[in-house]
Amino acid sequence: MAAAARKLIPLFDRVLIQKAEAITKTKGGIVIPEKAQGKVIHGTVIAVGPGARNNDGKHVPPTVKVGDKVLLPEYGGTKVELEESKEFHLYRETDILAKLNE
């Protein structure tokens, strides 16, 4: 995990995710053009906020934790570029579609 990503702590039910790399070559070594590459819709959770608040004002703990592999929607999230020129995305926990068991 990047040092700058450890310093970024999401608020409420936000989750910081690093998307997986797009496949640019086939197993046979053929380079796939950028337009033909599929969208990356999965990633790894880097940081998690304390959770949303319920009607009583108490935190509802998030269901994902750091290190989880998750399935993401095709669109959405907020792009965040940190000092190491790595790209991360902030999503609300409710926007995450599923956790992947690997």
N, C-alpha and C. Protein backbone atom coordinates (compact mmCIF):
# COMPACT_ATOMS: atom_id res chain seq x y z
N MET A 1 0.84 -1.18 0.00
CA MET A 1 0.00 0.00 0.00
C MET A 1 0.89 1.24 0.00
N ALA A 2 0.49 2.24 -0.74
CA ALA A 2 1.26 3.47 -0.85
C ALA A 2 1.20 4.26 0.45
N ALA A 3 2.30 4.93 0.77
CA ALA A 3 2.38 5.70 2.01
C ALA A 3 1.36 6.85 2.01
N ALA A 4 1.18 7.48 0.85
CA ALA A 4 0.22 8.59 0.78
C ALA A 4 -1.20 8.08 0.96
N ALA A 5 -1.49 6.87 0.50
CA ALA A 5 -2.84 6.32 0.65
C ALA A 5 -3.12 6.01 2.12
N ARG A 6 -2.09 5.68 2.90
CA ARG A 6 -2.29 5.43 4.33
C ARG A 6 -2.66 6.71 5.06
N LYS A 7 -2.22 7.85 4.55
CA LYS A 7 -2.50 9.13 5.19
C LYS A 7 -3.92 9.61 4.87
N LEU A 8 -4.51 9.12 3.81
CA LEU A 8 -5.85 9.53 3.41
C LEU A 8 -6.87 8.63 4.10
N ILE A 9 -7.68 9.21 4.98
CA ILE A 9 -8.68 8.45 5.72
C ILE A 9 -10.05 8.92 5.25
N PRO A 10 -10.82 8.05 4.60
CA PRO A 10 -12.15 8.43 4.12
C PRO A 10 -13.09 8.75 5.28
N LEU A 11 -14.05 9.62 5.03
CA LEU A 11 -15.04 9.98 6.04
C LEU A 11 -16.32 9.17 5.84
N PHE A 12 -17.07 9.01 6.92
CA PHE A 12 -18.37 8.35 6.94
C PHE A 12 -18.32 6.98 6.26
N ASP A 13 -19.14 6.77 5.24
CA ASP A 13 -19.21 5.45 4.60
C ASP A 13 -18.41 5.40 3.30
N ARG A 14 -17.42 6.26 3.16
CA ARG A 14 -16.60 6.26 1.95
C ARG A 14 -15.53 5.17 2.03
N VAL A 15 -15.15 4.65 0.85
CA VAL A 15 -14.16 3.58 0.75
C VAL A 15 -13.17 3.98 -0.34
N LEU A 16 -11.87 3.92 -0.04
CA LEU A 16 -10.82 4.23 -1.00
C LEU A 16 -10.41 2.93 -1.67
N ILE A 17 -10.46 2.90 -3.01
CA ILE A 17 -10.21 1.68 -3.77
C ILE A 17 -9.16 1.93 -4.83
N GLN A 18 -8.27 0.96 -4.99
CA GLN A 18 -7.32 0.98 -6.09
C GLN A 18 -7.81 -0.04 -7.10
N LYS A 19 -8.17 0.45 -8.28
CA LYS A 19 -8.69 -0.45 -9.32
C LYS A 19 -7.58 -1.35 -9.83
N ALA A 20 -7.97 -2.54 -10.27
CA ALA A 20 -7.02 -3.49 -10.83
C ALA A 20 -6.53 -2.98 -12.18
N GLU A 21 -5.38 -3.44 -12.59
CA GLU A 21 -4.82 -3.03 -13.88
C GLU A 21 -5.59 -3.69 -15.02
N ALA A 22 -5.79 -2.95 -16.10
CA ALA A 22 -6.46 -3.49 -17.28
C ALA A 22 -5.52 -4.47 -17.98
N ILE A 23 -6.10 -5.50 -18.55
CA ILE A 23 -5.30 -6.49 -19.28
C ILE A 23 -4.91 -5.87 -20.61
N THR A 24 -3.60 -5.76 -20.86
CA THR A 24 -3.12 -5.13 -22.08
C THR A 24 -2.50 -6.12 -23.06
N LYS A 25 -2.25 -7.35 -22.61
CA LYS A 25 -1.68 -8.39 -23.47
C LYS A 25 -2.41 -9.70 -23.22
N THR A 26 -2.55 -10.48 -24.27
CA THR A 26 -3.12 -11.81 -24.12
C THR A 26 -2.01 -12.76 -23.66
N LYS A 27 -2.39 -13.98 -23.31
CA LYS A 27 -1.39 -14.96 -22.89
C LYS A 27 -0.42 -15.28 -24.01
N GLY A 28 -0.88 -15.15 -25.23
CA GLY A 28 -0.02 -15.41 -26.39
C GLY A 28 0.89 -14.24 -26.75
N GLY A 29 0.77 -13.12 -26.04
CA GLY A 29 1.64 -11.97 -26.27
C GLY A 29 1.08 -10.92 -27.19
N ILE A 30 -0.16 -11.05 -27.61
CA ILE A 30 -0.76 -10.06 -28.50
C ILE A 30 -1.18 -8.85 -27.67
N VAL A 31 -0.79 -7.67 -28.12
CA VAL A 31 -1.12 -6.43 -27.42
C VAL A 31 -2.55 -6.03 -27.78
N ILE A 32 -3.35 -5.76 -26.75
CA ILE A 32 -4.74 -5.36 -26.94
C ILE A 32 -4.80 -3.83 -27.00
N PRO A 33 -5.40 -3.25 -28.06
CA PRO A 33 -5.51 -1.79 -28.14
C PRO A 33 -6.37 -1.25 -27.00
N GLU A 34 -6.11 0.00 -26.63
CA GLU A 34 -6.80 0.60 -25.50
C GLU A 34 -8.31 0.63 -25.68
N LYS A 35 -8.77 0.88 -26.90
CA LYS A 35 -10.22 0.95 -27.14
C LYS A 35 -10.89 -0.41 -27.02
N ALA A 36 -10.14 -1.48 -27.23
CA ALA A 36 -10.71 -2.82 -27.17
C ALA A 36 -10.66 -3.40 -25.76
N GLN A 37 -9.92 -2.76 -24.86
CA GLN A 37 -9.82 -3.26 -23.49
C GLN A 37 -11.14 -3.03 -22.77
N GLY A 38 -11.52 -4.00 -21.96
CA GLY A 38 -12.74 -3.87 -21.17
C GLY A 38 -12.51 -2.92 -20.00
N LYS A 39 -13.61 -2.40 -19.48
CA LYS A 39 -13.51 -1.51 -18.31
C LYS A 39 -13.13 -2.34 -17.09
N VAL A 40 -12.33 -1.76 -16.22
CA VAL A 40 -11.93 -2.44 -14.99
C VAL A 40 -13.03 -2.20 -13.97
N ILE A 41 -13.67 -3.29 -13.56
CA ILE A 41 -14.79 -3.14 -12.62
C ILE A 41 -14.54 -3.88 -11.31
N HIS A 42 -13.27 -4.09 -10.99
CA HIS A 42 -12.95 -4.67 -9.69
C HIS A 42 -11.68 -4.02 -9.16
N GLY A 43 -11.52 -4.07 -7.85
CA GLY A 43 -10.36 -3.44 -7.24
C GLY A 43 -10.16 -3.92 -5.81
N THR A 44 -9.18 -3.30 -5.15
CA THR A 44 -8.82 -3.66 -3.78
C THR A 44 -9.10 -2.49 -2.86
N VAL A 45 -9.68 -2.77 -1.71
CA VAL A 45 -9.97 -1.73 -0.72
C VAL A 45 -8.66 -1.32 -0.05
N ILE A 46 -8.35 -0.04 -0.07
CA ILE A 46 -7.12 0.51 0.52
C ILE A 46 -7.39 1.13 1.88
N ALA A 47 -8.52 1.83 2.03
CA ALA A 47 -8.87 2.46 3.30
C ALA A 47 -10.39 2.54 3.41
N VAL A 48 -10.90 2.50 4.64
CA VAL A 48 -12.34 2.52 4.89
C VAL A 48 -12.65 3.55 5.96
N GLY A 49 -13.72 4.30 5.76
CA GLY A 49 -14.16 5.26 6.77
C GLY A 49 -14.82 4.55 7.94
N PRO A 50 -15.18 5.29 8.99
CA PRO A 50 -15.76 4.67 10.19
C PRO A 50 -17.18 4.14 9.98
N GLY A 51 -17.85 4.53 8.92
CA GLY A 51 -19.20 4.05 8.65
C GLY A 51 -20.21 5.17 8.68
N ALA A 52 -21.38 4.90 8.13
CA ALA A 52 -22.46 5.88 8.11
C ALA A 52 -23.08 5.97 9.51
N ARG A 53 -23.88 6.99 9.72
CA ARG A 53 -24.59 7.13 11.00
C ARG A 53 -26.05 6.75 10.81
N ASN A 54 -26.61 6.10 11.82
CA ASN A 54 -28.03 5.76 11.78
C ASN A 54 -28.84 6.89 12.39
N ASN A 55 -30.14 6.69 12.57
CA ASN A 55 -31.02 7.74 13.11
C ASN A 55 -30.68 8.13 14.54
N ASP A 56 -30.05 7.23 15.29
CA ASP A 56 -29.66 7.53 16.67
C ASP A 56 -28.32 8.24 16.75
N GLY A 57 -27.65 8.44 15.63
CA GLY A 57 -26.36 9.11 15.62
C GLY A 57 -25.18 8.18 15.84
N LYS A 58 -25.42 6.88 15.89
CA LYS A 58 -24.34 5.92 16.09
C LYS A 58 -23.80 5.45 14.74
N HIS A 59 -22.51 5.12 14.72
CA HIS A 59 -21.90 4.62 13.49
C HIS A 59 -22.37 3.20 13.18
N VAL A 60 -22.71 2.96 11.93
CA VAL A 60 -23.00 1.62 11.44
C VAL A 60 -21.70 1.13 10.82
N PRO A 61 -21.08 0.09 11.36
CA PRO A 61 -19.77 -0.34 10.84
C PRO A 61 -19.85 -0.79 9.39
N PRO A 62 -18.82 -0.49 8.60
CA PRO A 62 -18.83 -0.90 7.19
C PRO A 62 -18.67 -2.41 7.05
N THR A 63 -19.16 -2.95 5.94
CA THR A 63 -19.09 -4.39 5.70
C THR A 63 -17.81 -4.79 4.98
N VAL A 64 -17.09 -3.82 4.42
CA VAL A 64 -15.82 -4.13 3.76
C VAL A 64 -14.67 -3.70 4.66
N LYS A 65 -13.53 -4.33 4.47
CA LYS A 65 -12.35 -3.97 5.25
C LYS A 65 -11.15 -3.85 4.31
N VAL A 66 -10.07 -3.30 4.80
CA VAL A 66 -8.86 -3.11 4.01
C VAL A 66 -8.37 -4.46 3.50
N GLY A 67 -8.06 -4.51 2.21
CA GLY A 67 -7.57 -5.74 1.61
C GLY A 67 -8.62 -6.54 0.87
N ASP A 68 -9.91 -6.22 1.07
CA ASP A 68 -10.98 -6.95 0.37
C ASP A 68 -10.94 -6.64 -1.12
N LYS A 69 -11.25 -7.65 -1.92
CA LYS A 69 -11.42 -7.47 -3.37
C LYS A 69 -12.91 -7.24 -3.59
N VAL A 70 -13.25 -6.19 -4.35
CA VAL A 70 -14.64 -5.81 -4.53
C VAL A 70 -14.99 -5.63 -6.00
N LEU A 71 -16.27 -5.80 -6.31
CA LEU A 71 -16.82 -5.57 -7.64
C LEU A 71 -17.44 -4.17 -7.64
N LEU A 72 -17.10 -3.38 -8.65
CA LEU A 72 -17.51 -1.97 -8.70
C LEU A 72 -18.48 -1.72 -9.84
N PRO A 73 -19.27 -0.65 -9.75
CA PRO A 73 -20.13 -0.28 -10.88
C PRO A 73 -19.26 0.25 -12.02
N GLU A 74 -19.81 0.19 -13.24
CA GLU A 74 -19.05 0.63 -14.41
C GLU A 74 -18.74 2.13 -14.34
N TYR A 75 -19.69 2.90 -13.84
CA TYR A 75 -19.50 4.34 -13.72
C TYR A 75 -19.66 4.75 -12.26
N GLY A 76 -19.08 5.88 -11.90
CA GLY A 76 -19.23 6.39 -10.55
C GLY A 76 -17.91 6.49 -9.83
N GLY A 77 -17.97 6.91 -8.60
CA GLY A 77 -16.76 7.09 -7.81
C GLY A 77 -16.08 8.41 -8.13
N THR A 78 -15.20 8.81 -7.27
CA THR A 78 -14.44 10.04 -7.45
C THR A 78 -12.97 9.70 -7.57
N LYS A 79 -12.36 10.13 -8.67
CA LYS A 79 -10.95 9.84 -8.89
C LYS A 79 -10.10 10.70 -7.97
N VAL A 80 -9.10 10.08 -7.35
CA VAL A 80 -8.18 10.79 -6.46
C VAL A 80 -6.77 10.43 -6.89
N GLU A 81 -5.97 11.45 -7.25
CA GLU A 81 -4.58 11.21 -7.62
C GLU A 81 -3.71 11.69 -6.48
N LEU A 82 -2.90 10.79 -5.94
CA LEU A 82 -2.03 11.12 -4.83
C LEU A 82 -0.64 11.44 -5.35
N GLU A 83 0.24 11.85 -4.46
CA GLU A 83 1.56 12.37 -4.85
C GLU A 83 2.40 11.42 -5.68
N GLU A 84 2.19 10.10 -5.57
CA GLU A 84 3.01 9.15 -6.32
C GLU A 84 2.46 8.91 -7.71
N SER A 85 1.57 9.73 -8.15
CA SER A 85 0.91 9.64 -9.45
C SER A 85 0.16 8.32 -9.61
N LYS A 86 -0.25 7.73 -8.48
CA LYS A 86 -1.11 6.56 -8.53
C LYS A 86 -2.55 7.03 -8.45
N GLU A 87 -3.41 6.30 -9.11
CA GLU A 87 -4.81 6.70 -9.17
C GLU A 87 -5.66 5.82 -8.26
N PHE A 88 -6.46 6.44 -7.42
CA PHE A 88 -7.37 5.75 -6.53
C PHE A 88 -8.77 6.29 -6.77
N HIS A 89 -9.78 5.60 -6.27
CA HIS A 89 -11.16 6.04 -6.42
C HIS A 89 -11.87 5.96 -5.08
N LEU A 90 -12.69 6.97 -4.80
CA LEU A 90 -13.52 6.98 -3.59
C LEU A 90 -14.95 6.62 -3.97
N TYR A 91 -15.49 5.63 -3.29
CA TYR A 91 -16.87 5.20 -3.50
C TYR A 91 -17.60 5.23 -2.17
N ARG A 92 -18.90 5.40 -2.21
CA ARG A 92 -19.72 5.17 -1.02
C ARG A 92 -19.82 3.65 -0.87
N GLU A 93 -19.92 3.20 0.36
CA GLU A 93 -20.02 1.76 0.57
C GLU A 93 -21.25 1.18 -0.13
N THR A 94 -22.33 1.94 -0.19
CA THR A 94 -23.54 1.45 -0.83
C THR A 94 -23.40 1.31 -2.35
N ASP A 95 -22.40 1.96 -2.95
CA ASP A 95 -22.16 1.86 -4.40
C ASP A 95 -21.41 0.58 -4.76
N ILE A 96 -20.73 -0.03 -3.82
CA ILE A 96 -19.97 -1.25 -4.10
C ILE A 96 -20.96 -2.39 -4.31
N LEU A 97 -20.77 -3.14 -5.39
CA LEU A 97 -21.75 -4.16 -5.77
C LEU A 97 -21.58 -5.48 -5.00
N ALA A 98 -20.33 -5.90 -4.77
CA ALA A 98 -20.11 -7.20 -4.11
C ALA A 98 -18.67 -7.32 -3.64
N LYS A 99 -18.46 -8.22 -2.69
CA LYS A 99 -17.10 -8.61 -2.28
C LYS A 99 -16.76 -9.88 -3.04
N LEU A 100 -15.50 -9.98 -3.50
CA LEU A 100 -15.06 -11.17 -4.23
C LEU A 100 -14.24 -12.05 -3.31
N ASN A 101 -14.59 -13.34 -3.26
CA ASN A 101 -13.81 -14.30 -2.47
C ASN A 101 -12.76 -14.92 -3.37
N GLU A 102 -11.52 -14.82 -2.97
CA GLU A 102 -10.44 -15.40 -3.78
C GLU A 102 -9.58 -16.28 -2.94
